Amino acid sequence: MIIFYRIFMIGGKLIQYQYDLKWYTFRISFTYEDWKKTKKINVEFLNKILGSIGRTEEEILAEIHRLPLDEYAADFIRRVQEAGGEFYILSAGTTYYINRLLAHRGIEGVTVISMNGVYKDGGIEVTPDKTSPYFSEIFGINKAKVIVELKKEFETVFFAGDSEPDLGAAKEANVAFAKKDLKELLTNEQEEFVPFKNFREIEKYLMDRGWLV
């Protein structure tokens, strides 16, 4: 069993498919609605956003530690691991803040598939690995390709997401959990999915079907 999850399920639509930057929304002019109008999603756009933070690295790290996270996330991840499953975070953001947040919350044993990032000139510079088999010119990471590859190794792949860039991965997964925009997209394409609001609901689904005990 393998479970993928974009760990930053922050309420309220924002920049790109979240890029999970609610922590400095008030400091930038770009919004999710702006993106919806232009559909110009790419790594260049992400770097424009992340590069405009205008803070010291210490200030950025402090904000990362305050990022909101499902209160049951750490317990749920441990339950999955104790049941013999593997937990992946699949993000078209950057390991710069994902790894730091995981460490701050004491979450271990999670595989992160994302882009590298470094502090530079008051912001974060994201660098996709163009040699990666999962490289995407648009998103930096092609989530659907990751799911396809992991299905060769694991019997069952669960995926949870909430927005348009999660669509391909959700369609490739054995079981897709969806909320917000992703629910509507999957419905429109007549794809099966399990609606959810939080980790506890996913846990219940897995327990009811014997994946977790």
Protein backbone atom coordinates (compact mmCIF):
# COMPACT_ATOMS: atom_id res chain seq x y z
CA MET A 1 0.00 0.00 0.00
CA ILE A 2 1.24 3.44 -0.85
CA ILE A 3 -0.41 6.75 -0.09
CA PHE A 4 0.31 10.02 -1.85
CA TYR A 5 -0.80 13.31 -0.42
CA ARG A 6 -0.12 16.94 -1.09
CA ILE A 7 0.48 17.72 2.51
CA PHE A 8 -0.38 21.40 2.34
CA MET A 9 -4.15 21.35 2.07
CA ILE A 10 -4.53 24.99 3.02
CA GLY A 11 -8.05 26.33 3.01
CA GLY A 12 -8.82 29.09 0.56
CA LYS A 13 -7.68 29.13 -3.03
CA LEU A 14 -4.42 30.88 -3.69
CA ILE A 15 -1.51 31.21 -6.03
CA GLN A 16 -1.30 28.51 -8.64
CA TYR A 17 -2.45 25.18 -7.32
CA GLN A 18 -1.82 26.50 -3.89
CA TYR A 19 1.90 26.51 -4.08
CA ASP A 20 1.00 26.45 -0.45
CA LEU A 21 1.98 30.00 0.31
CA LYS A 22 -0.90 31.32 2.36
CA TRP A 23 1.72 32.28 4.90
CA TYR A 24 2.58 35.39 2.92
CA THR A 25 -0.50 35.99 0.83
CA PHE A 26 -0.88 39.49 2.16
CA ARG A 27 2.58 40.40 0.88
CA ILE A 28 2.02 39.67 -2.80
CA SER A 29 -0.27 40.88 -5.53
CA PHE A 30 -0.84 37.59 -7.37
CA THR A 31 -3.89 35.56 -6.39
CA TYR A 32 -5.42 32.27 -7.36
CA GLU A 33 -8.17 34.15 -9.19
CA ASP A 34 -5.52 35.94 -11.27
CA TRP A 35 -4.12 32.56 -12.22
CA LYS A 36 -7.58 31.22 -13.06
CA LYS A 37 -7.93 34.03 -15.60
CA THR A 38 -4.55 33.50 -17.28
CA LYS A 39 -3.82 29.79 -16.74
CA LYS A 40 -0.13 30.68 -16.91
CA ILE A 41 1.17 28.02 -14.55
CA ASN A 42 4.87 27.28 -14.80
CA VAL A 43 8.05 27.21 -12.79
CA GLU A 44 8.86 30.76 -13.89
CA PHE A 45 5.60 31.95 -12.36
CA LEU A 46 6.32 30.04 -9.17
CA ASN A 47 9.75 31.62 -8.90
CA LYS A 48 8.22 35.05 -9.45
CA ILE A 49 5.95 34.42 -6.49
CA LEU A 50 8.49 32.81 -4.20
CA GLY A 51 11.15 35.31 -5.15
CA SER A 52 8.96 38.23 -4.09
CA ILE A 53 8.71 37.33 -0.40
CA GLY A 54 11.23 39.97 0.62
CA ARG A 55 12.26 38.50 3.97
CA THR A 56 15.40 37.17 5.61
CA GLU A 57 15.83 33.43 5.59
CA GLU A 58 15.24 33.35 9.35
CA GLU A 59 11.90 35.11 8.87
CA ILE A 60 10.90 32.71 6.09
CA LEU A 61 11.80 29.68 8.20
CA ALA A 62 9.72 31.04 11.06
CA GLU A 63 6.76 31.40 8.71
CA ILE A 64 7.26 27.86 7.39
CA HIS A 65 7.00 26.55 10.94
CA ARG A 66 3.65 28.31 11.24
CA LEU A 67 2.17 26.79 8.08
CA PRO A 68 -1.23 25.25 8.86
CA LEU A 69 -1.43 21.48 8.65
CA ASP A 70 -4.24 19.01 9.20
CA GLU A 71 -4.10 18.46 12.97
CA TYR A 72 -4.37 14.69 12.48
CA ALA A 73 -1.71 14.48 9.76
CA ALA A 74 1.17 13.22 11.90
CA ASP A 75 -0.95 10.55 13.61
CA PHE A 76 -2.42 9.40 10.30
CA ILE A 77 0.99 9.11 8.66
CA ARG A 78 2.24 7.02 11.58
CA ARG A 79 -0.79 4.74 11.33
CA VAL A 80 -0.15 4.17 7.63
CA GLN A 81 3.50 3.39 8.31
CA GLU A 82 2.67 1.03 11.18
CA ALA A 83 0.33 -0.85 8.84
CA GLY A 84 3.20 -1.43 6.42
CA GLY A 85 2.27 1.35 4.02
CA GLU A 86 4.47 4.06 2.62
CA PHE A 87 3.54 7.74 2.65
CA TYR A 88 4.64 10.09 -0.10
CA ILE A 89 4.26 13.82 -0.46
CA LEU A 90 3.98 14.72 -4.11
CA SER A 91 4.25 18.45 -4.69
CA ALA A 92 5.01 20.85 -7.51
CA GLY A 93 6.27 23.22 -4.85
CA THR A 94 9.68 22.77 -3.29
CA THR A 95 11.45 20.60 -0.75
CA TYR A 96 12.78 23.83 0.76
CA TYR A 97 9.69 24.32 2.87
CA ILE A 98 8.21 20.81 2.80
CA ASN A 99 11.21 19.14 4.44
CA ARG A 100 11.56 21.91 6.99
CA LEU A 101 7.90 21.73 7.96
CA LEU A 102 8.03 17.95 8.30
CA ALA A 103 11.10 18.18 10.52
CA HIS A 104 9.49 20.89 12.64
CA ARG A 105 6.37 18.73 13.14
CA GLY A 106 8.44 15.63 13.91
CA ILE A 107 7.10 13.72 10.89
CA GLU A 108 9.58 11.09 9.72
CA GLY A 109 9.84 8.34 7.14
CA VAL A 110 7.99 10.27 4.41
CA THR A 111 9.28 10.35 0.84
CA VAL A 112 9.03 13.80 -0.72
CA ILE A 113 8.92 14.13 -4.51
CA SER A 114 9.21 17.80 -5.33
CA MET A 115 11.63 20.40 -6.67
CA ASN A 116 14.77 21.68 -5.01
CA GLY A 117 14.77 25.18 -3.60
CA VAL A 118 17.28 27.58 -2.04
CA TYR A 119 17.10 30.92 -0.29
CA LYS A 120 18.17 33.73 -2.63
CA ASP A 121 17.86 37.50 -2.48
CA GLY A 122 15.05 37.61 0.06
CA GLY A 123 13.03 34.78 -1.45
CA ILE A 124 13.12 31.16 -2.53
CA GLU A 125 14.44 30.02 -5.90
CA VAL A 126 13.01 26.75 -7.19
CA THR A 127 15.02 24.59 -9.57
CA PRO A 128 13.34 21.64 -11.28
CA ASP A 129 15.44 18.64 -12.21
CA LYS A 130 15.20 18.49 -15.99
CA THR A 131 16.84 15.06 -15.99
CA SER A 132 14.11 13.58 -13.79
CA PRO A 133 11.72 11.11 -15.45
CA TYR A 134 8.94 13.08 -13.75
CA PHE A 135 9.99 16.47 -15.15
CA SER A 136 7.25 18.71 -16.52
CA GLU A 137 7.90 21.89 -18.48
CA ILE A 138 4.79 23.44 -16.95
CA PHE A 139 4.62 22.23 -13.35
CA GLY A 140 8.20 21.09 -12.81
CA ILE A 141 6.78 17.76 -11.59
CA ASN A 142 4.39 15.55 -13.53
CA LYS A 143 2.35 13.89 -10.79
CA ALA A 144 0.60 11.46 -13.10
CA LYS A 145 3.94 10.05 -14.25
CA VAL A 146 4.95 9.47 -10.65
CA ILE A 147 1.77 7.51 -9.96
CA VAL A 148 2.17 5.40 -13.09
CA GLU A 149 5.73 4.49 -12.12
CA LEU A 150 4.90 3.68 -8.50
CA LYS A 151 2.01 1.43 -9.54
CA LYS A 152 4.65 -0.87 -11.03
CA GLU A 153 6.13 -1.32 -7.56
CA PHE A 154 3.10 -1.19 -5.27
CA GLU A 155 -0.11 -3.18 -5.39
CA THR A 156 -2.34 -0.28 -4.43
CA VAL A 157 -1.77 3.46 -4.72
CA PHE A 158 -4.03 5.96 -2.97
CA PHE A 159 -3.89 9.61 -3.92
CA ALA A 160 -5.51 12.63 -2.29
CA GLY A 161 -5.71 16.08 -3.83
CA ASP A 162 -7.85 19.16 -4.23
CA SER A 163 -7.06 21.07 -7.41
CA GLU A 164 -6.64 20.92 -11.16
CA PRO A 165 -2.95 19.90 -11.29
CA ASP A 166 -3.88 16.83 -9.21
CA LEU A 167 -6.28 15.59 -11.87
CA GLY A 168 -3.89 13.40 -13.83
CA ALA A 169 -2.50 11.73 -10.71
CA ALA A 170 -5.98 11.15 -9.31
CA LYS A 171 -7.05 9.44 -12.52
CA GLU A 172 -4.01 7.16 -12.48
CA ALA A 173 -4.31 6.14 -8.79
CA ASN A 174 -6.12 2.99 -7.73
CA VAL A 175 -8.19 5.07 -5.31
CA ALA A 176 -8.49 8.85 -5.46
CA PHE A 177 -9.60 11.02 -2.54
CA ALA A 178 -10.76 14.44 -3.67
CA LYS A 179 -12.08 17.72 -2.34
CA LYS A 180 -12.67 21.22 -3.63
CA ASP A 181 -11.94 21.76 -7.34
CA LEU A 182 -10.70 18.22 -7.88
CA LYS A 183 -14.12 16.81 -6.96
CA GLU A 184 -15.79 18.82 -9.70
CA LEU A 185 -13.13 17.96 -12.27
CA LEU A 186 -13.35 14.24 -11.60
CA THR A 187 -17.14 14.39 -11.66
CA ASN A 188 -17.09 16.16 -15.02
CA GLU A 189 -14.84 13.46 -16.44
CA GLN A 190 -17.01 10.74 -14.89
CA GLU A 191 -14.10 9.41 -12.87
CA GLU A 192 -14.66 7.61 -9.59
CA PHE A 193 -13.36 9.21 -6.40
CA VAL A 194 -13.89 9.32 -2.65
CA PRO A 195 -14.81 12.76 -1.29
CA PHE A 196 -12.98 13.84 1.85
CA LYS A 197 -12.42 16.83 4.08
CA ASN A 198 -9.54 15.73 6.30
CA PHE A 199 -7.20 12.88 7.23
CA ARG A 200 -9.66 11.37 9.68
CA GLU A 201 -12.12 10.71 6.85
CA ILE A 202 -9.42 9.03 4.78
CA GLU A 203 -8.44 6.96 7.79
CA LYS A 204 -12.04 5.85 8.31
CA TYR A 205 -12.31 4.82 4.66
CA LEU A 206 -9.16 2.71 4.97
CA MET A 207 -10.28 1.18 8.26
CA ASP A 208 -13.74 0.29 6.95
CA ARG A 209 -12.10 -1.64 4.11
CA GLY A 210 -9.42 -3.34 6.16
CA TRP A 211 -6.44 -1.32 4.99
CA LEU A 212 -5.91 -0.04 8.51
CA VAL A 213 -6.83 -1.84 11.72
